[in-house]
Amino acid sequence: MALSMDRLWTVRQASAFLARSTSWVYKAAERGELPRARGMGWGLRFVPSELHAYARGEVSGSRAMVRKREGGA
């Protein structure tokens, strides 16, 4: 599966990139461990550059949780 860097990734694309199951991606996003796009009423999406930073260890779970609180959720 070719992963585009100029579009938001789906759960399936994020799981392929992270080599994790889709179930793990859903749960990690719900817990605030994965950075995700906000304000998308049509499903869970991820910004590729943010997932790359997460994979490199540049984005911690606590930072993702701060973004969640700032978003009002």
N, C-alpha and C. Protein backbone atom coordinates (compact mmCIF):
# COMPACT_ATOMS: atom_id res chain seq x y z
N MET A 1 0.85 -1.18 0.00
CA MET A 1 0.00 0.00 0.00
C MET A 1 0.89 1.24 0.00
N ALA A 2 0.71 2.10 -1.00
CA ALA A 2 1.47 3.34 -1.07
C ALA A 2 0.83 4.37 -0.15
N LEU A 3 1.66 4.98 0.69
CA LEU A 3 1.14 5.96 1.64
C LEU A 3 1.50 7.37 1.18
N SER A 4 0.47 8.15 0.91
CA SER A 4 0.64 9.53 0.47
C SER A 4 0.96 10.42 1.67
N MET A 5 1.87 11.35 1.47
CA MET A 5 2.21 12.28 2.55
C MET A 5 1.39 13.57 2.46
N ASP A 6 0.65 13.77 1.38
CA ASP A 6 -0.09 15.02 1.22
C ASP A 6 -1.58 14.90 1.56
N ARG A 7 -1.99 13.74 2.05
CA ARG A 7 -3.38 13.54 2.46
C ARG A 7 -3.41 12.92 3.85
N LEU A 8 -4.53 13.11 4.53
CA LEU A 8 -4.69 12.48 5.84
C LEU A 8 -4.76 10.97 5.67
N TRP A 9 -4.21 10.25 6.65
CA TRP A 9 -4.23 8.79 6.60
C TRP A 9 -5.43 8.24 7.36
N THR A 10 -5.94 7.13 6.88
CA THR A 10 -7.01 6.41 7.55
C THR A 10 -6.40 5.55 8.66
N VAL A 11 -7.25 4.93 9.43
CA VAL A 11 -6.78 4.01 10.47
C VAL A 11 -5.98 2.87 9.84
N ARG A 12 -6.46 2.38 8.74
CA ARG A 12 -5.78 1.28 8.05
C ARG A 12 -4.38 1.69 7.58
N GLN A 13 -4.25 2.88 7.02
CA GLN A 13 -2.95 3.36 6.57
C GLN A 13 -2.02 3.61 7.77
N ALA A 14 -2.56 4.17 8.84
CA ALA A 14 -1.75 4.41 10.05
C ALA A 14 -1.28 3.09 10.63
N SER A 15 -2.14 2.08 10.66
CA SER A 15 -1.75 0.79 11.22
C SER A 15 -0.68 0.13 10.35
N ALA A 16 -0.76 0.28 9.03
CA ALA A 16 0.27 -0.27 8.15
C ALA A 16 1.61 0.41 8.39
N PHE A 17 1.60 1.74 8.52
CA PHE A 17 2.83 2.48 8.76
C PHE A 17 3.46 2.12 10.10
N LEU A 18 2.63 2.01 11.14
CA LEU A 18 3.13 1.72 12.48
C LEU A 18 3.35 0.22 12.73
N ALA A 19 2.95 -0.61 11.78
CA ALA A 19 3.04 -2.08 11.91
C ALA A 19 2.29 -2.55 13.15
N ARG A 20 1.09 -2.02 13.32
CA ARG A 20 0.20 -2.38 14.43
C ARG A 20 -1.16 -2.75 13.85
N SER A 21 -1.99 -3.36 14.66
CA SER A 21 -3.33 -3.71 14.20
C SER A 21 -4.21 -2.46 14.18
N THR A 22 -5.27 -2.53 13.38
CA THR A 22 -6.21 -1.40 13.36
C THR A 22 -6.86 -1.22 14.73
N SER A 23 -7.08 -2.32 15.43
CA SER A 23 -7.66 -2.25 16.78
C SER A 23 -6.74 -1.45 17.71
N TRP A 24 -5.42 -1.70 17.63
CA TRP A 24 -4.46 -0.98 18.47
C TRP A 24 -4.49 0.51 18.14
N VAL A 25 -4.57 0.84 16.86
CA VAL A 25 -4.59 2.25 16.44
C VAL A 25 -5.83 2.96 16.99
N TYR A 26 -7.00 2.32 16.86
CA TYR A 26 -8.22 2.92 17.41
C TYR A 26 -8.09 3.16 18.91
N LYS A 27 -7.61 2.15 19.63
CA LYS A 27 -7.51 2.27 21.09
C LYS A 27 -6.47 3.29 21.51
N ALA A 28 -5.33 3.32 20.82
CA ALA A 28 -4.28 4.29 21.15
C ALA A 28 -4.75 5.72 20.87
N ALA A 29 -5.49 5.90 19.80
CA ALA A 29 -6.02 7.23 19.48
C ALA A 29 -7.05 7.65 20.54
N GLU A 30 -7.88 6.73 20.95
CA GLU A 30 -8.90 7.03 21.98
C GLU A 30 -8.24 7.39 23.31
N ARG A 31 -7.14 6.72 23.64
CA ARG A 31 -6.42 7.01 24.89
C ARG A 31 -5.59 8.28 24.80
N GLY A 32 -5.45 8.85 23.59
CA GLY A 32 -4.65 10.05 23.42
C GLY A 32 -3.19 9.77 23.21
N GLU A 33 -2.83 8.53 22.94
CA GLU A 33 -1.43 8.17 22.74
C GLU A 33 -0.93 8.49 21.34
N LEU A 34 -1.84 8.55 20.37
CA LEU A 34 -1.46 8.86 18.99
C LEU A 34 -1.98 10.24 18.62
N PRO A 35 -1.14 11.04 17.95
CA PRO A 35 -1.64 12.32 17.46
C PRO A 35 -2.61 12.07 16.31
N ARG A 36 -3.73 12.78 16.31
CA ARG A 36 -4.71 12.57 15.24
C ARG A 36 -5.31 13.89 14.82
N ALA A 37 -5.88 13.90 13.62
CA ALA A 37 -6.52 15.11 13.10
C ALA A 37 -7.80 15.35 13.88
N ARG A 38 -8.07 16.58 14.19
CA ARG A 38 -9.27 16.96 14.95
C ARG A 38 -10.28 17.64 14.03
N GLY A 39 -11.53 17.61 14.45
CA GLY A 39 -12.56 18.31 13.73
C GLY A 39 -13.06 17.57 12.50
N MET A 40 -12.74 16.28 12.40
CA MET A 40 -13.18 15.49 11.26
C MET A 40 -14.43 14.72 11.67
N GLY A 41 -15.56 15.16 11.23
CA GLY A 41 -16.79 14.51 11.61
C GLY A 41 -17.04 13.19 10.91
N TRP A 42 -16.22 12.88 9.92
CA TRP A 42 -16.45 11.70 9.10
C TRP A 42 -15.51 10.55 9.40
N GLY A 43 -14.84 10.58 10.49
CA GLY A 43 -14.01 9.44 10.87
C GLY A 43 -12.67 9.85 11.43
N LEU A 44 -11.97 8.86 11.91
CA LEU A 44 -10.65 9.06 12.51
C LEU A 44 -9.60 9.15 11.41
N ARG A 45 -8.84 10.24 11.42
CA ARG A 45 -7.78 10.44 10.42
C ARG A 45 -6.52 10.92 11.12
N PHE A 46 -5.39 10.71 10.44
CA PHE A 46 -4.08 11.04 11.00
C PHE A 46 -3.27 11.87 10.02
N VAL A 47 -2.52 12.84 10.55
CA VAL A 47 -1.61 13.66 9.74
C VAL A 47 -0.32 12.86 9.62
N PRO A 48 0.09 12.52 8.40
CA PRO A 48 1.28 11.68 8.22
C PRO A 48 2.53 12.20 8.92
N SER A 49 2.79 13.49 8.83
CA SER A 49 4.01 14.04 9.45
C SER A 49 3.98 13.88 10.98
N GLU A 50 2.77 13.94 11.57
CA GLU A 50 2.66 13.75 13.02
C GLU A 50 2.90 12.29 13.41
N LEU A 51 2.45 11.35 12.57
CA LEU A 51 2.72 9.94 12.86
C LEU A 51 4.20 9.61 12.67
N HIS A 52 4.85 10.25 11.70
CA HIS A 52 6.29 10.07 11.54
C HIS A 52 7.02 10.56 12.79
N ALA A 53 6.63 11.72 13.31
CA ALA A 53 7.24 12.26 14.53
C ALA A 53 6.98 11.32 15.71
N TYR A 54 5.77 10.77 15.80
CA TYR A 54 5.43 9.82 16.86
C TYR A 54 6.33 8.58 16.76
N ALA A 55 6.50 8.08 15.55
CA ALA A 55 7.32 6.88 15.35
C ALA A 55 8.78 7.14 15.70
N ARG A 56 9.25 8.36 15.51
CA ARG A 56 10.63 8.72 15.87
C ARG A 56 10.76 9.04 17.35
N GLY A 57 9.65 9.05 18.07
CA GLY A 57 9.69 9.35 19.51
C GLY A 57 9.67 10.82 19.83
N GLU A 58 9.33 11.65 18.86
CA GLU A 58 9.32 13.10 19.06
C GLU A 58 8.00 13.60 19.66
N VAL A 59 6.96 12.77 19.63
CA VAL A 59 5.66 13.14 20.19
C VAL A 59 5.33 12.10 21.24
N SER A 60 5.22 12.54 22.48
CA SER A 60 4.91 11.59 23.56
C SER A 60 3.41 11.51 23.76
N GLY A 61 2.99 10.49 24.47
CA GLY A 61 1.58 10.33 24.79
C GLY A 61 1.03 11.51 25.57
N SER A 62 1.85 12.07 26.48
CA SER A 62 1.37 13.20 27.27
C SER A 62 1.13 14.41 26.40
N ARG A 63 1.94 14.60 25.36
CA ARG A 63 1.73 15.73 24.46
C ARG A 63 0.44 15.54 23.68
N ALA A 64 0.16 14.32 23.27
CA ALA A 64 -1.08 14.04 22.56
C ALA A 64 -2.27 14.32 23.48
N MET A 65 -2.14 14.00 24.76
CA MET A 65 -3.22 14.25 25.71
C MET A 65 -3.44 15.75 25.91
N VAL A 66 -2.38 16.54 25.92
CA VAL A 66 -2.51 17.99 26.04
C VAL A 66 -3.28 18.54 24.87
N ARG A 67 -2.97 18.05 23.67
CA ARG A 67 -3.69 18.51 22.48
C ARG A 67 -5.16 18.15 22.61
N LYS A 68 -5.45 17.00 23.19
CA LYS A 68 -6.85 16.58 23.36
C LYS A 68 -7.58 17.54 24.29
N ARG A 69 -6.95 17.90 25.40
CA ARG A 69 -7.58 18.81 26.35
C ARG A 69 -7.77 20.19 25.74
N GLU A 70 -6.79 20.65 24.96
CA GLU A 70 -6.90 21.96 24.33
C GLU A 70 -8.04 22.00 23.32
N GLY A 71 -8.35 20.84 22.73
CA GLY A 71 -9.42 20.78 21.74
C GLY A 71 -10.79 20.80 22.36
N GLY A 72 -10.87 20.79 23.68
CA GLY A 72 -12.15 20.86 24.35
C GLY A 72 -12.80 19.53 24.61
N ALA A 73 -12.12 18.45 24.27
CA ALA A 73 -12.71 17.12 24.50
C ALA A 73 -12.27 16.56 25.83
